[in-house]
Protein backbone atom coordinates (compact mmCIF):
# COMPACT_ATOMS: atom_id res chain seq x y z
CA MET A 1 102.34 121.32 84.85
CA THR A 2 101.90 117.78 83.56
CA TYR A 3 104.76 115.40 82.96
CA PRO A 4 105.05 112.90 80.09
CA PRO A 5 103.68 109.39 80.62
CA GLN A 6 106.09 106.57 81.44
CA PHE A 7 104.53 104.13 78.98
CA ASN A 8 102.75 104.28 75.62
CA VAL A 9 99.99 101.84 74.72
CA THR A 10 99.58 100.98 71.02
CA ILE A 11 96.51 99.19 69.71
CA ASP A 12 96.26 97.67 66.25
CA ASP A 13 92.71 98.70 65.30
CA ARG A 14 92.69 96.53 62.20
CA LYS A 15 92.98 93.38 64.19
CA CYS A 16 91.15 94.49 67.32
CA GLU A 17 87.77 92.66 67.73
CA ARG A 18 86.38 95.20 70.25
CA CYS A 19 85.77 92.40 72.74
CA ARG A 20 86.69 94.88 75.47
CA ARG A 21 88.46 92.17 77.48
CA CYS A 22 91.39 94.53 77.91
CA VAL A 23 89.07 97.24 79.34
CA VAL A 24 87.67 94.81 81.92
CA ASN A 25 91.13 93.55 82.87
CA CYS A 26 92.79 96.95 83.23
CA THR A 27 92.35 97.84 86.93
CA PHE A 28 94.08 101.16 86.54
CA SER A 29 91.52 102.52 84.02
CA ALA A 30 94.15 103.05 81.35
CA LEU A 31 91.87 101.53 78.71
CA SER A 32 88.28 102.41 77.82
CA TYR A 33 85.80 101.78 74.97
CA ASP A 34 84.63 104.76 72.91
CA GLU A 35 81.20 103.80 71.59
CA LYS A 36 80.99 106.74 69.21
CA GLU A 37 84.29 105.88 67.50
CA ASP A 38 83.88 102.11 68.08
CA LYS A 39 87.45 101.72 69.31
CA ILE A 40 89.58 100.99 72.39
CA VAL A 41 91.13 104.18 73.72
CA ALA A 42 94.30 104.24 75.84
CA ASP A 43 95.15 106.81 78.52
CA ASP A 44 98.89 106.45 78.64
CA GLU A 45 99.28 108.46 81.85
CA LYS A 46 97.45 105.74 83.81
CA CYS A 47 99.38 102.80 82.33
CA VAL A 48 101.78 101.06 84.72
CA ALA A 49 102.97 98.38 82.26
CA CYS A 50 101.49 95.45 84.24
CA LEU A 51 100.93 93.67 80.85
CA ARG A 52 97.54 92.29 81.98
CA CYS A 53 95.80 93.73 78.92
CA ALA A 54 98.40 92.39 76.44
CA SER A 55 98.40 88.93 77.99
CA THR A 56 94.60 88.56 78.01
CA CYS A 57 93.94 90.00 74.52
CA PRO A 58 92.83 87.11 72.27
CA GLN A 59 94.18 88.83 69.17
CA LYS A 60 97.39 90.10 70.76
CA VAL A 61 96.90 93.58 69.35
CA LEU A 62 98.21 95.57 72.35
CA THR A 63 101.84 96.68 72.74
CA ILE A 64 103.18 98.57 75.74
CA ARG A 65 106.52 100.34 75.35
CA LYS A 66 108.51 102.68 77.51
CA SER A 67 107.70 106.23 76.40
CA GLU A 68 110.11 107.80 73.94
CA THR A 69 109.00 111.26 75.05
CA THR A 70 111.70 112.51 77.36
CA LEU A 71 112.84 115.58 79.23
CA PRO A 72 116.06 117.31 78.13
CA PRO A 73 119.01 115.07 79.16
CA HIS A 74 120.89 116.03 82.31
CA ALA A 75 123.42 113.99 84.32
CA THR A 76 122.42 115.40 87.69
CA TRP A 77 118.71 116.07 87.19
CA THR A 78 117.70 112.74 85.72
CA ASP A 79 114.19 112.11 84.34
CA LYS A 80 113.30 110.10 87.38
CA ILE A 81 114.35 112.77 89.85
CA ARG A 82 112.55 115.53 87.94
CA LEU A 83 109.37 113.43 87.70
CA HIS A 84 109.46 112.80 91.43
CA ILE A 85 109.89 116.52 92.12
CA MET A 86 106.91 117.32 89.84
CA LYS A 87 104.73 114.75 91.60
CA GLN A 88 105.62 116.04 95.05
CA ALA A 89 105.10 119.66 93.96
CA GLU A 90 101.60 118.60 92.83
CA THR A 91 100.59 116.47 95.81
CA GLY A 92 102.77 117.66 98.77
CA SER A 93 103.09 114.01 99.88
CA ALA A 94 105.82 111.47 100.37
CA LEU A 95 106.15 109.19 97.34
CA ILE A 96 105.12 105.56 97.97
CA SER A 97 105.99 102.51 95.98
CA GLY A 98 105.79 98.73 96.29
CA CYS A 99 108.37 95.97 95.61
CA GLY A 100 112.11 96.46 96.15
CA THR A 101 114.41 99.26 95.12
CA ASP A 102 114.67 99.88 91.37
CA LEU A 103 117.94 101.86 91.60
CA GLU A 104 120.86 100.33 89.81
CA TYR A 105 122.86 99.19 92.83
CA PRO A 106 125.44 96.63 91.72
CA SER A 107 124.55 93.10 92.79
CA LEU A 108 127.51 91.52 94.58
CA PHE A 109 126.02 88.13 93.86
CA ASP A 110 126.66 88.88 90.14
CA ARG A 111 130.31 89.66 90.92
CA ILE A 112 130.91 86.40 92.81
CA VAL A 113 131.77 83.20 90.98
CA ILE A 114 131.82 79.67 92.40
CA ASP A 115 134.84 77.37 92.13
CA ALA A 116 134.33 73.90 90.66
CA CYS A 117 135.94 70.48 90.69
CA GLN A 118 138.27 69.11 88.11
CA VAL A 119 140.71 66.15 88.50
CA THR A 120 142.02 65.98 92.03
CA ASN A 121 138.59 66.50 93.63
CA PRO A 122 136.11 64.75 91.34
CA SER A 123 132.65 66.09 90.91
CA ILE A 124 129.44 64.24 91.84
CA ASP A 125 126.63 63.38 89.46
CA PRO A 126 123.41 64.55 91.22
CA LEU A 127 121.25 62.43 88.93
CA ARG A 128 122.91 59.17 90.09
CA GLU A 129 124.23 59.96 93.56
CA PRO A 130 122.30 61.33 96.59
CA ILE A 131 123.01 64.91 97.59
CA GLU A 132 121.54 66.17 100.90
CA VAL A 133 120.02 69.65 100.86
CA CYS A 134 117.89 69.59 104.00
CA ALA A 135 118.58 72.12 106.78
CA TYR A 136 117.75 72.43 110.46
CA LEU A 137 116.78 75.86 111.71
CA GLY A 138 117.29 76.53 115.42
CA LYS A 139 119.93 76.57 118.13
CA LYS A 140 122.61 73.87 117.89
CA PRO A 141 124.54 72.42 120.86
CA ARG A 142 128.22 73.18 121.19
CA GLN A 143 128.93 69.55 121.97
CA LEU A 144 127.04 66.37 122.65
CA LYS A 145 127.37 64.59 126.02
CA ILE A 146 126.83 60.82 125.93
CA SER A 147 126.31 58.75 129.06
CA ASP A 148 128.08 55.47 129.78
CA LYS A 149 124.89 53.75 128.64
CA VAL A 150 125.19 55.59 125.30
CA ASP A 151 122.21 57.82 126.07
CA LEU A 152 122.19 61.44 124.94
CA GLU A 153 122.43 63.69 127.94
CA THR A 154 122.65 67.00 126.12
CA GLU A 155 119.35 68.85 125.94
CA ILE A 156 118.60 69.67 122.30
CA ALA A 157 116.79 72.93 121.60
CA PRO A 158 113.79 72.76 119.27
CA ASN A 159 114.71 72.83 115.59
CA VAL A 160 112.64 72.87 112.45
CA ARG A 161 113.76 70.56 109.59
CA ILE A 162 113.25 71.85 106.03
CA GLU A 163 113.85 69.68 102.98
CA THR A 164 115.41 72.52 101.04
CA PRO A 165 117.29 75.59 102.32
CA ILE A 166 114.79 77.79 100.42
CA THR A 167 111.90 79.23 102.54
CA LEU A 168 109.09 81.63 101.59
CA GLY A 169 109.43 85.00 103.24
CA HIS A 170 106.89 86.95 105.25
CA ILE A 171 104.07 88.52 103.30
CA SER A 172 101.15 89.71 105.42
CA TYR A 173 97.49 88.85 105.08
CA GLY A 174 96.20 92.20 103.92
CA ALA A 175 99.17 93.02 101.74
CA VAL A 176 97.96 89.97 99.78
CA ASN A 177 94.65 88.14 99.88
CA LEU A 178 93.75 84.78 101.38
CA GLY A 179 94.14 82.99 98.06
CA VAL A 180 97.78 84.02 97.88
CA HIS A 181 98.41 82.99 101.47
CA LYS A 182 96.82 79.61 100.81
CA ALA A 183 98.93 79.14 97.68
CA LEU A 184 102.15 79.92 99.57
CA ALA A 185 101.15 77.55 102.40
CA MET A 186 100.31 74.67 100.05
CA ALA A 187 103.58 75.18 98.19
CA ALA A 188 105.54 75.24 101.42
CA GLU A 189 103.85 72.02 102.60
CA LYS A 190 104.48 70.22 99.33
CA ALA A 191 108.14 71.34 99.19
CA GLY A 192 108.71 70.45 102.80
CA THR A 193 109.75 74.02 103.74
CA LEU A 194 108.38 77.03 105.60
CA MET A 195 106.41 80.19 104.73
CA GLY A 196 106.19 83.33 106.76
CA SER A 197 102.75 84.60 107.91
CA GLY A 198 103.83 88.26 107.83
CA GLU A 199 102.55 90.66 110.46
CA GLY A 200 98.89 90.31 109.62
CA GLY A 201 98.02 87.35 111.74
CA LEU A 202 96.93 83.97 110.33
CA HIS A 203 93.47 83.26 108.84
CA PRO A 204 91.85 80.19 110.42
CA ASP A 205 91.89 78.34 107.10
CA LEU A 206 95.72 78.27 107.30
CA TYR A 207 95.99 76.70 110.68
CA GLU A 208 96.06 73.22 109.11
CA TYR A 209 99.37 74.22 107.44
CA GLY A 210 100.87 75.39 110.76
CA ASP A 211 103.70 72.87 110.68
CA HIS A 212 105.03 74.77 107.68
CA ILE A 213 104.40 78.32 108.83
CA ILE A 214 106.54 80.81 110.80
CA VAL A 215 104.15 83.12 112.62
CA GLN A 216 105.34 86.66 113.08
CA VAL A 217 105.15 89.07 116.00
CA ALA A 218 105.68 92.65 114.84
CA SER A 219 105.45 96.00 116.53
CA GLY A 220 101.69 96.34 115.86
CA ARG A 221 101.00 92.92 117.35
CA PHE A 222 98.27 92.37 114.74
CA GLY A 223 96.50 89.03 115.13
CA VAL A 224 98.82 87.86 117.97
CA HIS A 225 97.23 85.55 120.54
CA SER A 226 98.10 82.22 122.18
CA GLU A 227 96.35 80.06 119.58
CA TYR A 228 98.18 81.88 116.78
CA LEU A 229 101.55 81.41 118.48
CA LYS A 230 100.98 77.72 119.07
CA ALA A 231 99.74 77.18 115.50
CA GLY A 232 103.10 77.81 113.80
CA ALA A 233 106.20 75.69 113.56
CA ALA A 234 108.32 78.66 114.70
CA ILE A 235 107.87 82.26 115.77
CA GLU A 236 109.62 85.34 114.39
CA ILE A 237 109.90 88.75 116.09
CA LYS A 238 110.08 91.38 113.34
CA ILE A 239 112.31 94.29 114.31
CA GLY A 240 112.90 95.57 110.77
CA GLN A 241 112.87 94.71 107.08
CA GLY A 242 115.19 95.46 104.19
CA ALA A 243 112.79 97.59 102.10
CA LYS A 244 112.20 100.09 104.97
CA PRO A 245 114.73 99.91 107.84
CA GLY A 246 113.77 101.98 110.82
CA ILE A 247 110.09 102.54 109.95
CA GLY A 248 106.89 100.57 110.63
CA GLY A 249 104.29 99.12 108.33
CA HIS A 250 101.14 100.62 106.86
CA LEU A 251 98.17 98.76 105.43
CA PRO A 252 95.65 101.28 103.98
CA GLY A 253 92.15 101.05 105.44
CA GLU A 254 90.56 100.39 102.05
CA LYS A 255 92.38 97.06 101.96
CA VAL A 256 91.16 96.02 105.43
CA THR A 257 88.15 93.86 104.64
CA GLU A 258 85.96 92.14 107.24
CA ASP A 259 88.05 88.93 107.22
CA ILE A 260 91.33 90.82 107.42
CA ALA A 261 89.98 93.01 110.20
CA LYS A 262 88.93 89.91 112.15
CA THR A 263 92.24 88.24 111.67
CA ARG A 264 94.27 91.35 112.61
CA MET A 265 91.85 92.16 115.46
CA ILE A 266 91.21 95.72 114.27
CA PRO A 267 88.09 97.57 113.00
CA VAL A 268 87.04 97.15 109.36
CA HIS A 269 88.46 99.81 106.92
CA THR A 270 90.83 101.33 109.44
CA ASP A 271 94.51 101.91 108.61
CA ALA A 272 96.77 99.21 110.17
CA LEU A 273 99.77 101.23 111.31
CA SER A 274 102.75 99.43 112.85
CA PRO A 275 104.95 101.66 115.00
CA ALA A 276 108.57 102.04 113.92
CA PRO A 277 109.85 100.56 117.17
CA HIS A 278 108.35 97.87 119.47
CA HIS A 279 107.27 100.00 122.38
CA ASP A 280 108.38 97.34 124.80
CA ILE A 281 111.80 96.84 123.29
CA TYR A 282 114.51 99.49 123.80
CA SER A 283 117.41 97.24 124.67
CA ILE A 284 118.75 93.73 124.16
CA GLU A 285 117.42 92.91 127.63
CA ASP A 286 113.93 93.97 126.58
CA LEU A 287 114.20 91.80 123.45
CA SER A 288 115.38 88.85 125.52
CA GLN A 289 112.32 89.23 127.75
CA LEU A 290 110.00 89.01 124.74
CA ILE A 291 111.91 85.99 123.29
CA TYR A 292 111.50 84.04 126.50
CA ALA A 293 107.89 85.17 126.98
CA LEU A 294 107.10 83.68 123.50
CA LYS A 295 109.00 80.52 124.37
CA GLU A 296 107.08 80.19 127.61
CA ALA A 297 103.79 80.81 125.86
CA THR A 298 104.53 77.86 123.58
CA ASP A 299 105.96 75.58 126.33
CA TYR A 300 109.53 75.94 124.92
CA THR A 301 108.59 73.68 121.99
CA LYS A 302 109.16 76.14 119.14
CA PRO A 303 112.27 78.07 118.03
CA VAL A 304 112.04 81.86 118.17
CA PHE A 305 113.73 83.90 115.42
CA VAL A 306 114.35 87.60 115.18
CA LYS A 307 114.23 89.53 111.89
CA ILE A 308 116.33 92.67 111.34
CA ALA A 309 117.10 94.85 108.31
CA ALA A 310 120.60 94.71 106.97
CA VAL A 311 122.37 97.80 108.27
CA HIS A 312 126.02 98.76 108.92
CA ASN A 313 126.05 97.36 112.47
CA SER A 314 124.08 94.18 111.78
CA ALA A 315 126.98 92.05 113.12
CA ALA A 316 126.97 93.70 116.55
CA ILE A 317 123.14 93.62 116.71
CA SER A 318 123.12 89.96 115.76
CA SER A 319 125.62 89.13 118.48
CA GLY A 320 123.32 90.70 121.00
CA ILE A 321 120.29 88.89 119.58
CA ALA A 322 122.11 85.55 119.78
CA ARG A 323 123.02 86.21 123.42
CA ALA A 324 119.44 87.29 124.12
CA GLY A 325 118.25 83.73 123.53
CA ALA A 326 117.01 83.81 119.95
CA ASP A 327 117.27 80.51 118.01
CA GLY A 328 117.66 82.17 114.59
CA ILE A 329 118.20 85.51 112.96
CA THR A 330 116.67 86.59 109.61
CA ILE A 331 118.65 89.37 107.94
CA ASP A 332 116.75 91.24 105.22
CA GLY A 333 118.88 93.15 102.65
CA LEU A 334 118.56 96.40 100.78
CA ARG A 335 116.82 94.81 97.78
CA GLY A 336 114.01 93.31 99.81
CA GLY A 337 110.47 93.79 98.62
CA THR A 338 107.39 95.30 100.33
CA GLY A 339 103.81 96.14 99.72
CA ALA A 340 104.36 99.85 100.44
CA ALA A 341 107.28 102.01 101.46
CA PRO A 342 108.37 105.64 101.02
CA ILE A 343 110.56 105.60 97.92
CA THR A 344 113.31 107.61 99.57
CA ILE A 345 113.53 105.06 102.40
CA ARG A 346 113.33 102.04 100.10
CA ASP A 347 116.04 103.30 97.76
CA ASN A 348 118.55 104.79 100.19
CA LEU A 349 118.46 102.98 103.58
CA GLY A 350 120.15 99.67 104.40
CA ILE A 351 122.97 97.59 102.87
CA PRO A 352 123.04 94.56 100.54
CA ILE A 353 122.41 91.18 101.99
CA GLU A 354 125.74 89.78 100.67
CA VAL A 355 127.90 91.94 102.97
CA ALA A 356 125.49 91.79 105.83
CA ILE A 357 125.27 87.99 106.05
CA ALA A 358 129.04 87.65 105.65
CA SER A 359 129.84 90.15 108.35
CA VAL A 360 127.30 88.65 110.78
CA ASP A 361 128.52 85.10 110.21
CA GLU A 362 132.13 86.21 110.67
CA ARG A 363 131.38 88.08 113.92
CA LEU A 364 129.46 85.18 115.46
CA ARG A 365 132.21 82.75 114.58
CA LYS A 366 134.92 84.93 116.10
CA GLU A 367 132.86 85.17 119.28
CA GLY A 368 132.34 81.44 119.39
CA ILE A 369 128.52 81.63 119.30
CA ARG A 370 127.75 80.80 115.68
CA ASN A 371 126.12 77.57 116.70
CA GLU A 372 123.76 79.47 118.99
CA VAL A 373 121.62 80.72 116.05
CA SER A 374 120.63 79.85 112.51
CA LEU A 375 121.01 82.60 109.90
CA ILE A 376 118.41 83.20 107.18
CA ALA A 377 119.34 85.56 104.33
CA SER A 378 116.64 87.45 102.41
CA GLY A 379 116.22 90.52 100.30
CA GLY A 380 117.17 90.13 96.63
CA ILE A 381 117.49 86.36 96.26
CA ARG A 382 116.66 85.97 92.56
CA GLN A 383 118.00 82.59 91.42
CA SER A 384 119.51 79.30 92.63
CA SER A 385 123.03 80.58 92.28
CA ASP A 386 122.18 83.39 94.73
CA VAL A 387 121.06 80.74 97.18
CA ALA A 388 124.36 78.86 96.85
CA LYS A 389 126.43 82.04 97.27
CA ALA A 390 124.43 83.20 100.31
CA ILE A 391 124.95 79.84 102.01
CA ALA A 392 128.68 79.86 101.16
CA LEU A 393 128.83 83.36 102.73
CA GLY A 394 127.37 81.99 105.97
CA ALA A 395 123.59 81.52 105.73
CA ASP A 396 121.86 78.37 106.84
CA ALA A 397 118.91 79.07 104.46
CA VAL A 398 117.37 81.85 102.42
CA ALA A 399 113.89 83.37 102.21
CA ILE A 400 112.29 84.44 98.95
CA SER A 401 109.17 86.68 98.57
CA THR A 402 109.20 88.71 95.37
CA ALA A 403 110.43 85.70 93.42
CA ALA A 404 107.50 83.68 94.70
CA LEU A 405 104.99 86.38 93.65
CA ILE A 406 106.64 86.58 90.21
CA ALA A 407 106.16 82.82 89.93
CA MET A 408 102.44 83.42 90.53
CA GLY A 409 102.29 86.01 87.75
CA CYS A 410 103.39 89.34 89.34
CA THR A 411 104.99 91.62 86.78
CA VAL A 412 106.57 93.94 89.39
CA CYS A 413 104.66 97.06 88.36
CA GLN A 414 105.30 98.48 91.86
CA GLN A 415 101.65 99.47 92.46
CA CYS A 416 101.00 96.97 95.30
CA TYR A 417 100.01 99.65 97.81
CA ARG A 418 97.02 100.70 95.64
CA GLY A 419 95.17 97.43 96.05
CA LEU A 420 94.38 97.31 92.31
CA CYS A 421 96.66 94.40 91.37
CA PRO A 422 95.44 93.23 87.91
CA TRP A 423 96.83 89.76 88.61
CA GLY A 424 94.77 89.24 91.76
CA ILE A 425 97.81 89.08 94.07
CA THR A 426 98.32 92.29 96.09
CA THR A 427 94.66 93.10 96.26
CA THR A 428 91.88 92.37 98.77
CA ASP A 429 89.10 93.21 96.32
CA PRO A 430 87.11 89.94 96.09
CA LEU A 431 86.46 90.30 92.35
CA LEU A 432 90.15 90.99 91.56
CA ALA A 433 91.30 88.24 93.95
CA ARG A 434 89.31 85.71 91.89
CA ARG A 435 91.79 86.23 89.04
CA LEU A 436 94.29 84.13 90.95
CA ASP A 437 93.74 80.40 91.13
CA PRO A 438 95.37 79.33 94.47
CA ALA A 439 95.94 75.78 93.20
CA GLU A 440 97.70 76.95 90.03
CA ALA A 441 99.67 79.60 91.92
CA SER A 442 100.74 76.96 94.48
CA ARG A 443 101.88 74.70 91.70
CA ARG A 444 104.01 77.37 90.13
CA VAL A 445 105.62 78.37 93.43
CA TYR A 446 106.36 74.74 94.23
CA ASN A 447 107.87 74.31 90.75
CA LEU A 448 110.12 77.29 91.35
CA ILE A 449 111.39 75.90 94.66
CA SER A 450 111.81 72.43 93.12
CA ALA A 451 113.74 73.81 90.08
CA TRP A 452 116.05 75.93 92.32
CA THR A 453 116.64 72.94 94.61
CA THR A 454 117.56 70.78 91.64
CA GLU A 455 119.98 73.47 90.40
CA LEU A 456 121.42 73.73 93.90
CA LYS A 457 122.19 70.03 93.81
CA GLU A 458 123.85 70.55 90.42
CA ILE A 459 126.07 73.24 91.96
CA LEU A 460 126.95 71.02 94.89
CA GLY A 461 127.79 68.17 92.56
CA ALA A 462 130.05 70.45 90.53
CA LEU A 463 131.79 71.32 93.78
CA GLY A 464 132.24 67.68 94.70
CA MET A 465 129.94 68.04 97.73
CA ASN A 466 127.17 65.64 98.71
CA ALA A 467 125.56 67.84 101.40
CA ILE A 468 124.59 71.47 101.77
CA GLU A 469 126.39 71.61 105.14
CA SER A 470 129.72 71.25 103.23
CA LEU A 471 128.93 74.50 101.38
CA LYS A 472 127.96 76.55 104.45
CA TYR A 473 130.64 79.17 105.23
CA ASN A 474 132.86 77.54 102.61
CA ARG A 475 134.09 80.91 101.28
CA GLU A 476 137.20 79.27 99.86
CA ARG A 477 135.02 78.12 96.96
CA LEU A 478 133.98 81.73 96.12
CA ARG A 479 135.90 84.27 94.10
CA GLY A 480 135.20 87.96 93.51
CA VAL A 481 135.31 89.52 90.05
CA GLU A 482 136.27 93.22 89.72
CA MET A 483 135.67 93.90 93.42
CA GLU A 484 137.45 96.39 95.61
CA GLU A 485 139.92 95.01 98.14
CA LYS A 486 137.79 96.19 101.06
CA THR A 487 134.73 94.45 99.78
CA LEU A 488 136.64 91.23 99.28
CA SER A 489 137.93 91.58 102.83
CA ILE A 490 134.38 92.03 104.26
CA LEU A 491 133.13 89.03 102.27
CA SER A 492 136.25 87.05 103.26
CA ILE A 493 136.74 85.80 99.71
CA LYS A 494 139.63 85.96 97.34
CA ALA A 495 139.79 87.67 93.97
CA ALA A 496 139.28 85.59 90.82
CA GLY A 497 142.55 84.04 89.82
CA GLU A 498 143.95 83.68 93.31
């Protein structure tokens, strides 16, 4: 049994010049040239609506629409569920997809509004008055001890200063190609922020950007060695991620080129499988041992963060992580992206970042250890207002990944795991990778960070605040719209109108 295609491709033959540019650009073989008929032919079943063909057509004769052909309507057995069943009946395999969940979970960010100044607390004009948005990531002292000679006696733990509370999340070398990694590194350097290396190690060409890179240590330990650890500005231990809590990573062997294999320290064209757990971490004590081993390996000069997926007991887990000696915790929410994940895991495991970051911050404050760690929120940060709301809920900074790839040109067709990215982003094919200009991609990512930072200053000005620190955990400036009482309680915010 075959199922109807998701998309229909329409070609205006009257205007088409038969240049075949669309055929060359379609990496999914949805378009071909019929010499006998002298026309471009579309195979709708192979179309993923990446829009590469439509954007590169000089005559703009291609149109991609969602298919109007549909199965009989049914509230329980939706089209999507029936199509998934048909595919699994045909293949006998777990369904895989890239990017974040596409289920219609309500975004709590969209149901939170921010208070503003009026008369008694005047606003600030960010165009004419300075507004500080830099952040320091790392452990903070509970108090400062000053000697009689006015010398600082308190030992300050290593912190990383970023000029904006927006960082670039972890995307591994292998999930994307070297050009993408270079673009992210250049953008992070120009914006004065950080990018994550992901669990694929770090190509030697990126070591020069080390002051703006967080190097990651994941369960597979790919590419981890002393030079790698010392190259970054900070280290992150990846326990989990929002798109696939409780499972490991998988980079298909066909994406493992010679350079990627060398960087990851694995054979060429072999699957890079990360175990679900770290096989040396089965308790907070085990985690603490790794944290201090990494600190010792870098002479206690770099902060060590721990990344977890947002789950129901994130607050208790984070309390243990803070007490284990971590300098920061990254919490990745339900809507986080990925190169590949089982659809059933991606769509059904984890909780939204909004409630996770609020509950973690609240727990750490009640225990008196909030200053022990920095909190980074990720997974579904889509715009500058999300950044402001995440910080007001308790985050020190946020990390963006999918938004950065969209800035480069990604159309979120969810086919990352196939390595056929028509935009040259989530592919390691050298010919396809050439479609991305790292310099232009870097410029666009930097522009995105710069624009969001400007908008963040506008929000702070409207709140009468001249520093991002004044917004952190300032939940009094947030209000919930059409939220349940329990959700408002977890977020520790009031309903609109109160």
